Protein backbone atom coordinates (compact mmCIF):
# COMPACT_ATOMS: atom_id res chain seq x y z
CA MET A 1 -45.15 -63.60 -125.53
CA ARG A 2 -42.19 -64.72 -123.61
CA THR A 3 -41.48 -63.33 -120.10
CA SER A 4 -38.06 -63.30 -118.57
CA PRO A 5 -37.81 -65.27 -115.29
CA LEU A 6 -36.15 -62.30 -113.62
CA LEU A 7 -39.02 -60.00 -114.54
CA LEU A 8 -41.47 -62.56 -113.17
CA VAL A 9 -39.66 -62.72 -109.79
CA VAL A 10 -39.62 -58.93 -109.53
CA ALA A 11 -43.33 -58.70 -110.35
CA LEU A 12 -44.27 -61.38 -107.81
CA ALA A 13 -42.18 -59.70 -105.12
CA ALA A 14 -43.95 -56.40 -105.77
CA CYS A 15 -47.34 -58.06 -105.34
CA ALA A 16 -46.44 -59.94 -102.15
CA PRO A 17 -48.00 -58.61 -98.92
CA HIS A 18 -45.67 -56.35 -96.93
CA PRO A 19 -45.33 -56.54 -93.13
CA PRO A 20 -47.18 -53.81 -91.22
CA PRO A 21 -45.10 -50.75 -90.32
CA ARG A 22 -43.27 -51.04 -87.01
CA ALA A 23 -44.78 -49.12 -84.15
CA ARG A 24 -42.68 -46.29 -82.82
CA VAL A 25 -41.27 -46.99 -79.40
CA PRO A 26 -41.62 -43.90 -77.22
CA ALA A 27 -38.46 -42.50 -75.70
CA PRO A 28 -37.98 -43.53 -72.05
CA ALA A 29 -39.26 -41.03 -69.54
CA PRO A 30 -36.51 -38.96 -67.91
CA ALA A 31 -35.36 -40.22 -64.53
CA PRO A 32 -37.09 -38.38 -61.72
CA ALA A 33 -35.03 -35.74 -59.99
CA GLY A 34 -33.94 -36.38 -56.43
CA PRO A 35 -35.97 -34.97 -53.59
CA PRO A 36 -35.64 -31.24 -53.03
CA ALA A 37 -32.91 -30.11 -50.66
CA ASP A 38 -35.54 -29.11 -48.10
CA ALA A 39 -37.30 -32.50 -48.17
CA ALA A 40 -38.18 -33.95 -44.80
CA PRO A 41 -35.72 -36.57 -43.54
CA ARG A 42 -36.78 -40.18 -44.04
CA ALA A 43 -37.02 -42.84 -41.37
CA ALA A 44 -34.11 -45.24 -41.01
CA GLY A 45 -34.09 -47.81 -43.78
CA GLU A 46 -37.04 -46.23 -45.64
CA TYR A 47 -36.96 -46.61 -49.41
CA HIS A 48 -38.61 -43.68 -51.11
CA GLY A 49 -38.69 -45.02 -54.67
CA LEU A 50 -36.54 -42.32 -56.29
CA CYS A 51 -33.36 -44.35 -56.28
CA ILE A 52 -33.25 -46.09 -59.66
CA PRO A 53 -30.59 -48.83 -59.84
CA GLU A 54 -30.50 -48.67 -63.66
CA ALA A 55 -29.38 -45.04 -63.34
CA GLY A 56 -26.49 -46.03 -61.05
CA CYS A 57 -28.35 -45.26 -57.84
CA VAL A 58 -27.89 -47.48 -54.81
CA LEU A 59 -28.92 -47.11 -51.20
CA ALA A 60 -25.99 -46.57 -48.87
CA CYS A 61 -26.15 -46.94 -45.11
CA VAL A 62 -24.91 -44.04 -42.99
CA LEU A 63 -24.94 -43.02 -39.34
CA ARG A 64 -26.81 -39.78 -38.71
CA ASP A 65 -27.65 -38.44 -35.25
CA GLY A 66 -26.90 -41.81 -33.64
CA ARG A 67 -29.24 -43.71 -35.99
CA LEU A 68 -28.58 -45.75 -39.10
CA GLU A 69 -30.39 -44.88 -42.31
CA ASN A 70 -30.22 -45.57 -46.03
CA VAL A 71 -29.49 -42.63 -48.32
CA ASP A 72 -29.31 -42.37 -52.10
CA MET A 73 -25.87 -42.69 -53.62
CA ILE A 74 -25.13 -42.39 -57.34
CA TYR A 75 -22.17 -44.49 -58.41
CA ASN A 76 -20.41 -43.77 -61.70
CA PRO A 77 -18.55 -46.96 -62.76
CA THR A 78 -16.57 -45.07 -65.40
CA THR A 79 -14.97 -42.63 -62.97
CA GLY A 80 -15.41 -44.62 -59.75
CA ASP A 81 -17.00 -41.56 -58.11
CA SER A 82 -19.97 -41.67 -55.77
CA THR A 83 -22.25 -38.71 -55.06
CA HIS A 84 -25.20 -37.84 -52.84
CA ARG A 85 -27.43 -35.02 -54.13
CA GLY A 86 -24.62 -33.74 -56.32
CA ARG A 87 -21.93 -33.73 -53.60
CA PRO A 88 -19.10 -36.25 -53.37
CA PHE A 89 -20.32 -38.99 -51.01
CA SER A 90 -17.20 -38.68 -48.84
CA GLN A 91 -17.99 -34.99 -48.28
CA ALA A 92 -21.71 -35.53 -47.67
CA PHE A 93 -20.96 -38.33 -45.17
CA PRO A 94 -17.36 -38.03 -43.93
CA THR A 95 -15.72 -40.60 -41.71
CA ASP A 96 -15.78 -38.19 -38.78
CA SER A 97 -15.78 -38.66 -35.02
CA THR A 98 -19.16 -40.42 -35.14
CA TYR A 99 -17.27 -43.38 -36.64
CA ALA A 100 -14.40 -45.29 -35.04
CA ALA A 101 -12.06 -45.55 -38.07
CA ASN A 102 -9.90 -42.57 -37.12
CA ALA A 103 -10.04 -42.96 -33.33
CA VAL A 104 -6.74 -43.80 -31.66
CA TRP A 105 -8.39 -46.37 -29.35
CA TYR A 106 -9.81 -48.17 -32.38
CA ARG A 107 -6.61 -48.16 -34.43
CA ARG A 108 -4.65 -49.47 -31.41
CA SER A 109 -7.28 -52.20 -30.81
CA ASP A 110 -7.71 -51.04 -27.22
CA PRO A 111 -10.34 -52.88 -25.16
CA ILE A 112 -13.35 -50.67 -24.47
CA ARG A 113 -15.86 -50.44 -21.62
CA VAL A 114 -19.53 -50.09 -22.53
CA LEU A 115 -22.59 -50.58 -20.29
CA GLY A 116 -20.25 -51.43 -17.43
CA LYS A 117 -18.63 -54.36 -19.27
CA GLY A 118 -15.30 -54.81 -21.00
CA TYR A 119 -15.21 -55.65 -24.71
CA VAL A 120 -12.42 -56.54 -27.12
CA LYS A 121 -12.29 -56.57 -30.91
CA TYR A 122 -13.66 -59.82 -32.27
CA GLY A 123 -12.96 -60.92 -35.85
CA THR A 124 -12.85 -58.54 -38.78
CA GLU A 125 -15.01 -55.66 -39.91
CA ILE A 126 -18.38 -56.68 -41.34
CA VAL A 127 -21.28 -55.01 -43.14
CA ILE A 128 -24.60 -55.06 -41.30
CA GLY A 129 -27.95 -53.76 -42.53
CA PRO A 130 -29.43 -50.70 -40.80
CA THR A 131 -32.34 -52.70 -39.40
CA ASP A 132 -30.17 -55.56 -38.08
CA VAL A 133 -28.82 -53.62 -35.08
CA VAL A 134 -30.11 -51.05 -32.59
CA PRO A 135 -28.22 -48.36 -30.66
CA VAL A 136 -27.47 -49.29 -27.03
CA ALA A 137 -24.80 -46.86 -25.81
CA THR A 138 -21.96 -44.58 -26.87
CA PHE A 139 -18.22 -44.86 -26.41
CA ARG A 140 -16.21 -41.64 -26.78
CA GLY A 141 -18.82 -40.13 -29.09
CA VAL A 142 -19.32 -43.26 -31.21
CA THR A 143 -22.74 -44.91 -31.04
CA VAL A 144 -22.51 -48.58 -30.10
CA PHE A 145 -25.03 -51.09 -31.44
CA ALA A 146 -26.28 -54.58 -30.59
CA GLU A 147 -28.61 -57.08 -32.21
CA PRO A 148 -32.25 -56.43 -31.28
CA SER A 149 -32.60 -59.96 -29.92
CA ALA A 150 -29.68 -59.50 -27.48
CA ASN A 151 -29.99 -58.47 -23.87
CA LEU A 152 -29.72 -54.75 -24.64
CA ARG A 153 -28.58 -53.92 -21.10
CA SER A 154 -25.71 -56.40 -21.24
CA PRO A 155 -25.12 -57.76 -24.77
CA ASP A 156 -22.42 -60.38 -25.31
CA VAL A 157 -21.50 -58.81 -28.66
CA ILE A 158 -21.59 -55.13 -29.59
CA TYR A 159 -20.99 -53.50 -32.96
CA VAL A 160 -18.98 -50.30 -33.41
CA PRO A 161 -19.52 -48.37 -36.68
CA VAL A 162 -16.19 -47.94 -38.43
CA ARG A 163 -17.13 -45.91 -41.55
CA PRO A 164 -20.14 -45.08 -43.76
CA GLY A 165 -21.60 -48.06 -45.58
CA CYS A 166 -22.67 -49.85 -42.37
CA GLU A 167 -19.18 -51.24 -41.79
CA PHE A 168 -18.96 -52.43 -38.20
CA GLN A 169 -16.34 -53.97 -35.97
CA PRO A 170 -17.77 -56.62 -33.63
CA TYR A 171 -16.57 -56.53 -30.03
CA ASN A 172 -17.01 -59.53 -27.76
CA HIS A 173 -17.54 -59.46 -24.02
CA GLY A 174 -15.15 -61.63 -22.09
CA GLU A 175 -12.06 -61.69 -19.98
CA VAL A 176 -9.87 -58.76 -20.85
CA SER A 177 -6.22 -58.90 -20.00
CA GLY A 178 -4.62 -55.64 -19.10
CA ARG A 179 -6.28 -52.51 -17.93
CA LEU A 180 -9.36 -51.07 -19.62
CA ARG A 181 -9.31 -47.38 -20.38
CA PRO A 182 -12.30 -45.50 -18.96
CA ASP A 183 -15.09 -44.28 -21.21
């Protein structure tokens, strides 16, 4: 009896061991919901573990009650929108009078007097982490910060918060030409 080579290949393939079935991969668990609206406020810089970077969540630094803290912010790269607990981030944390960005004295680059010393703008705006500075005074309703290692009663450099996101303008102590406006 003569067997066709094609029939032989098919028969051998049918008898060959098959790989085991692939295990089902469970669906990823849904992302946890944010904390309830009545959740207790967190300490400055505290990470509570609910902000998942893969879901577009980042921690954003804001000024609240004269203190810096990180809050959850969801960023949507498709639309460019940012939200905090479902509200537009700019509404949840507006650039209000607690920040210097809209103050006339800031926009005019006026020298300022803090802790009995004159200060002038120094360099450009920078981003500083919420634990890298501590509050030392206020100037016209804006909390003024200094590095923790500085002489907090008379720092050489102070940092004025300009807008949410921990954007600060450094001010340097030194000779100030012209007249300083009072606090």
